[in-house]
Amino acid sequence: MYTNKVEICGVNTSKLPVLTNEEMQELFVKIKAGDMEAREEFVQGNLRLVLSIIQRFNRRGENVDDLFQVGCIGLIKAIDNFDLSKKVRFSTYAVPMIIGEIRRYLRDNNSIRVSRSLRDIAYKALQARDQLVSKNLKEPTIMDISRELNMPKEEIVFALDAIQEPISLFEPIYHDSGDAIFVMDQVKDEQSEDKVWLEEIALREAISKLNRRERLILNLRFYEGKTQMEVADEIGISQAQVSRLEKNALREMRKFI
């Protein structure tokens, strides 16, 4: 995705106006009175905000024009729902609205299929979240959304998790002195932990203490998944002998682990 181009959706981004907070407040009074020219001026004066937000999604391979249009829809929704009497900056209210609109668009266009029922619950939760943000001017908790929808919080969490889009392990999440820190740097590798590594060494050491027949029996039983009867037929002894040798071998190994 290339977000440095000058023209997006026919808009020359290099010439976008910037409104001061006082100018926006004056325009908002006119907007609430039904002045459509003021509304258009207000939208134009906040397109740079949309442009800055879509930069966050520049590694997802989405068309920048599409994201810009979706971001503008979020901007318009924010304008329609903004309450000037709350004494909060418009950008503070608009940013999560715009981001939410873009995320909904990305989820709707996700190649991973989610059941309709889960998607409906998730969208109801997102709508409730937006309403609670508008009402309380703060991010609601899952319990707040649960009470708003009269729905178990477990269902809401499950539904929201289901529509989360996957991200690349190489997605940068932080820049430290110019060096990017990626998602993969924050993922715990339980396969390579010192504890696992030491246990594997101890296991190999314990197996090496066994005689050849005991090692063969454990290999056939636990690595090849054969039954004691199958092992008995393969090495030419009784199933009872296999059972006894296996138990003795495991008992000896426990002494070394």
Protein backbone atom coordinates (compact mmCIF):
# COMPACT_ATOMS: atom_id res chain seq x y z
CA MET A 1 0.00 0.00 0.00
CA TYR A 2 1.44 3.32 -1.06
CA THR A 3 0.26 6.22 1.11
CA ASN A 4 2.78 8.82 0.03
CA LYS A 5 1.06 9.66 -3.25
CA VAL A 6 -0.33 13.17 -3.53
CA GLU A 7 -3.76 12.31 -4.93
CA ILE A 8 -6.09 9.89 -3.17
CA CYS A 9 -9.65 9.40 -4.44
CA GLY A 10 -9.25 12.55 -6.52
CA VAL A 11 -8.24 14.60 -3.47
CA ASN A 12 -4.93 16.46 -3.58
CA THR A 13 -3.67 15.57 -0.11
CA SER A 14 -0.84 18.08 -0.27
CA LYS A 15 -3.35 20.93 -0.32
CA LEU A 16 -5.73 19.73 2.40
CA PRO A 17 -6.66 22.54 4.81
CA VAL A 18 -6.08 22.36 8.56
CA LEU A 19 -8.65 23.77 10.98
CA THR A 20 -7.90 25.09 14.43
CA ASN A 21 -9.95 23.86 17.36
CA GLU A 22 -11.72 27.23 17.55
CA GLU A 23 -12.58 27.12 13.84
CA MET A 24 -14.02 23.63 14.23
CA GLN A 25 -16.18 24.71 17.14
CA GLU A 26 -17.57 27.61 15.11
CA LEU A 27 -18.27 25.35 12.15
CA PHE A 28 -19.95 22.79 14.38
CA VAL A 29 -22.44 25.35 15.63
CA LYS A 30 -23.35 26.04 11.99
CA ILE A 31 -23.51 22.31 11.19
CA LYS A 32 -25.98 21.70 14.00
CA ALA A 33 -28.07 24.51 12.54
CA GLY A 34 -28.18 22.67 9.19
CA ASP A 35 -25.50 24.59 7.27
CA MET A 36 -24.31 22.13 4.59
CA GLU A 37 -21.47 24.38 3.41
CA ALA A 38 -20.09 24.42 6.95
CA ARG A 39 -20.38 20.64 7.03
CA GLU A 40 -18.41 20.31 3.79
CA GLU A 41 -15.73 22.69 5.08
CA PHE A 42 -15.53 20.72 8.32
CA VAL A 43 -15.08 17.42 6.42
CA GLN A 44 -12.37 18.93 4.21
CA GLY A 45 -10.62 20.33 7.26
CA ASN A 46 -10.39 16.87 8.86
CA LEU A 47 -9.32 14.76 5.88
CA ARG A 48 -5.72 14.97 7.07
CA LEU A 49 -6.89 13.14 10.21
CA VAL A 50 -8.25 10.32 8.03
CA LEU A 51 -5.02 10.29 6.03
CA SER A 52 -2.89 9.96 9.17
CA ILE A 53 -5.05 7.07 10.48
CA ILE A 54 -4.89 4.96 7.32
CA GLN A 55 -1.08 5.07 7.61
CA ARG A 56 -1.51 2.56 10.45
CA PHE A 57 -2.83 -0.01 8.01
CA ASN A 58 -0.13 0.41 5.38
CA ARG A 59 1.20 -3.17 5.67
CA ARG A 60 -2.07 -4.96 5.01
CA GLY A 61 -1.96 -4.77 1.21
CA GLU A 62 -5.26 -2.87 1.00
CA ASN A 63 -5.93 -0.26 -1.65
CA VAL A 64 -5.24 3.17 -0.17
CA ASP A 65 -8.16 4.75 -2.04
CA ASP A 66 -10.57 2.19 -0.54
CA LEU A 67 -9.27 2.74 2.97
CA PHE A 68 -9.46 6.51 2.55
CA GLN A 69 -13.11 6.29 1.49
CA VAL A 70 -13.94 4.02 4.41
CA GLY A 71 -12.10 6.37 6.76
CA CYS A 72 -14.18 9.27 5.42
CA ILE A 73 -17.35 7.32 6.26
CA GLY A 74 -16.05 6.99 9.83
CA LEU A 75 -15.30 10.73 9.86
CA ILE A 76 -18.85 11.58 8.75
CA LYS A 77 -20.31 9.25 11.38
CA ALA A 78 -18.18 11.00 13.99
CA ILE A 79 -19.46 14.39 12.83
CA ASP A 80 -23.06 13.19 13.00
CA ASN A 81 -22.67 11.82 16.53
CA PHE A 82 -20.32 14.37 18.09
CA ASP A 83 -21.72 16.29 21.05
CA LEU A 84 -20.15 19.74 21.35
CA SER A 85 -21.45 20.13 24.92
CA LYS A 86 -19.13 17.36 26.16
CA LYS A 87 -16.17 19.76 26.00
CA VAL A 88 -13.87 17.25 24.30
CA ARG A 89 -11.73 17.77 21.21
CA PHE A 90 -13.30 16.43 18.04
CA SER A 91 -10.18 14.46 17.08
CA THR A 92 -10.27 12.63 20.43
CA TYR A 93 -13.76 11.42 19.62
CA ALA A 94 -13.27 10.87 15.87
CA VAL A 95 -10.08 8.78 15.86
CA PRO A 96 -11.60 5.61 17.41
CA MET A 97 -14.68 6.01 15.21
CA ILE A 98 -12.57 6.15 12.05
CA ILE A 99 -10.36 3.25 13.14
CA GLY A 100 -13.45 1.20 13.99
CA GLU A 101 -14.95 1.82 10.56
CA ILE A 102 -11.72 0.73 8.83
CA ARG A 103 -11.45 -2.39 10.98
CA ARG A 104 -15.04 -3.34 10.17
CA TYR A 105 -14.25 -2.96 6.49
CA LEU A 106 -11.17 -5.16 6.82
CA ARG A 107 -13.11 -7.80 8.74
CA ASP A 108 -15.89 -7.85 6.14
CA ASN A 109 -13.28 -8.41 3.43
CA ASN A 110 -11.34 -11.02 5.37
CA SER A 111 -10.75 -14.31 3.53
CA ILE A 112 -11.35 -16.26 6.77
CA ARG A 113 -15.06 -17.14 7.01
CA VAL A 114 -16.89 -16.54 10.29
CA SER A 115 -20.42 -17.81 10.95
CA ARG A 116 -23.24 -15.31 10.50
CA SER A 117 -24.41 -15.67 14.11
CA LEU A 118 -20.95 -14.87 15.50
CA ARG A 119 -20.58 -11.96 13.11
CA ASP A 120 -23.98 -10.56 14.18
CA ILE A 121 -23.05 -10.75 17.87
CA ALA A 122 -19.70 -9.11 17.19
CA TYR A 123 -21.26 -6.24 15.24
CA LYS A 124 -23.87 -5.70 17.94
CA ALA A 125 -21.03 -5.53 20.46
CA LEU A 126 -19.14 -3.03 18.30
CA GLN A 127 -22.24 -0.87 17.88
CA ALA A 128 -22.85 -0.98 21.63
CA ARG A 129 -19.22 -0.05 22.18
CA ASP A 130 -19.54 2.99 19.89
CA GLN A 131 -22.74 4.09 21.64
CA LEU A 132 -21.13 3.76 25.08
CA VAL A 133 -18.08 5.73 23.92
CA SER A 134 -20.36 8.47 22.61
CA LYS A 135 -22.36 8.48 25.85
CA ASN A 136 -19.57 8.20 28.43
CA LEU A 137 -16.55 9.51 26.45
CA LYS A 138 -14.43 6.58 27.57
CA GLU A 139 -13.68 3.06 26.40
CA PRO A 140 -16.23 0.57 27.82
CA THR A 141 -15.26 -2.74 29.37
CA ILE A 142 -16.54 -6.10 28.18
CA MET A 143 -18.83 -6.13 31.23
CA ASP A 144 -20.26 -2.75 30.19
CA ILE A 145 -21.03 -4.11 26.72
CA SER A 146 -22.43 -7.31 28.25
CA ARG A 147 -24.87 -5.34 30.39
CA GLU A 148 -25.81 -3.10 27.46
CA LEU A 149 -26.70 -6.10 25.28
CA ASN A 150 -27.98 -8.32 28.12
CA MET A 151 -25.70 -11.04 26.83
CA PRO A 152 -23.09 -13.26 28.56
CA LYS A 153 -19.62 -11.72 28.38
CA GLU A 154 -18.18 -15.05 27.21
CA GLU A 155 -20.29 -14.92 24.04
CA ILE A 156 -19.17 -11.37 23.33
CA VAL A 157 -15.47 -12.18 23.83
CA PHE A 158 -15.74 -15.29 21.64
CA ALA A 159 -17.52 -13.38 18.86
CA LEU A 160 -15.06 -10.47 18.92
CA ASP A 161 -12.11 -12.87 18.85
CA ALA A 162 -13.64 -14.71 15.87
CA ILE A 163 -13.71 -11.61 13.68
CA GLN A 164 -10.22 -10.41 14.54
CA GLU A 165 -8.12 -10.40 11.42
CA PRO A 166 -4.78 -12.25 11.47
CA ILE A 167 -1.60 -10.21 11.33
CA SER A 168 1.84 -11.05 10.05
CA LEU A 169 4.58 -12.09 12.45
CA PHE A 170 6.63 -9.41 10.72
CA GLU A 171 4.15 -6.62 11.57
CA PRO A 172 6.15 -3.84 13.31
CA ILE A 173 4.66 -2.91 16.68
CA TYR A 174 7.34 -0.57 18.01
CA HIS A 175 10.47 1.24 16.86
CA ASP A 176 13.37 1.37 19.28
CA SER A 177 16.04 3.86 18.19
CA GLY A 178 15.22 3.20 14.56
CA ASP A 179 15.17 -0.61 14.87
CA ALA A 180 11.72 -2.12 14.42
CA ILE A 181 10.39 -4.62 16.94
CA PHE A 182 8.08 -7.12 15.24
CA VAL A 183 5.21 -9.27 16.50
CA MET A 184 7.42 -12.36 16.29
CA ASP A 185 9.82 -10.75 18.79
CA GLN A 186 7.02 -10.77 21.36
CA VAL A 187 5.89 -14.38 20.76
CA LYS A 188 7.01 -16.89 23.32
CA ASP A 189 8.72 -19.97 21.87
CA GLU A 190 7.81 -22.74 24.29
CA GLN A 191 9.52 -25.32 22.09
CA SER A 192 12.93 -23.75 22.64
CA GLU A 193 12.71 -22.84 26.33
CA ASP A 194 15.68 -23.77 28.51
CA LYS A 195 13.41 -26.02 30.59
CA VAL A 196 12.29 -28.03 27.54
CA TRP A 197 15.83 -28.18 26.21
CA LEU A 198 17.19 -29.50 29.53
CA GLU A 199 14.39 -32.06 29.81
CA GLU A 200 15.24 -33.39 26.35
CA ILE A 201 18.90 -33.74 27.31
CA ALA A 202 17.93 -35.54 30.53
CA LEU A 203 15.62 -37.87 28.59
CA ARG A 204 18.31 -38.80 26.07
CA GLU A 205 20.79 -39.36 28.89
CA ALA A 206 18.35 -41.63 30.73
CA ILE A 207 17.61 -43.66 27.58
CA SER A 208 21.32 -44.16 26.97
CA LYS A 209 21.57 -45.95 30.35
CA LEU A 210 19.22 -48.72 29.18
CA ASN A 211 20.29 -51.90 27.43
CA ARG A 212 19.66 -52.48 23.72
CA ARG A 213 16.43 -54.52 24.19
CA GLU A 214 14.92 -51.95 26.59
CA ARG A 215 15.71 -49.11 24.19
CA LEU A 216 14.14 -51.08 21.33
CA ILE A 217 10.95 -51.74 23.33
CA LEU A 218 10.54 -48.08 24.33
CA ASN A 219 11.18 -46.95 20.76
CA LEU A 220 8.56 -49.33 19.36
CA ARG A 221 6.04 -48.50 22.10
CA PHE A 222 6.33 -44.71 22.43
CA TYR A 223 7.88 -43.48 19.18
CA GLU A 224 6.25 -45.87 16.73
CA GLY A 225 3.03 -46.27 18.76
CA LYS A 226 2.85 -50.05 18.73
CA THR A 227 0.96 -52.13 21.29
CA GLN A 228 2.73 -54.48 23.68
CA MET A 229 1.37 -57.45 21.70
CA GLU A 230 2.76 -56.04 18.44
CA VAL A 231 6.14 -55.46 20.10
CA ALA A 232 6.12 -59.00 21.47
CA ASP A 233 5.48 -60.46 18.00
CA GLU A 234 8.23 -58.32 16.46
CA ILE A 235 11.04 -59.19 18.89
CA GLY A 236 9.90 -62.77 19.63
CA ILE A 237 8.99 -62.69 23.33
CA SER A 238 5.71 -62.81 25.25
CA GLN A 239 3.49 -59.82 25.92
CA ALA A 240 4.04 -60.31 29.67
CA GLN A 241 7.81 -60.04 29.15
CA VAL A 242 7.37 -56.86 27.11
CA SER A 243 5.25 -55.37 29.89
CA ARG A 244 7.82 -56.28 32.55
CA LEU A 245 10.78 -54.95 30.53
CA GLU A 246 8.91 -51.76 29.72
CA LYS A 247 8.09 -51.09 33.39
CA ASN A 248 11.67 -51.80 34.45
CA ALA A 249 13.03 -49.50 31.76
CA LEU A 250 10.73 -46.64 32.79
CA ARG A 251 11.63 -47.19 36.43
CA GLU A 252 15.33 -46.99 35.65
CA MET A 253 14.84 -43.82 33.57
CA ARG A 254 13.07 -42.07 36.45
CA LYS A 255 16.26 -42.42 38.49
CA PHE A 256 18.09 -40.20 35.98
CA ILE A 257 15.36 -37.58 35.34
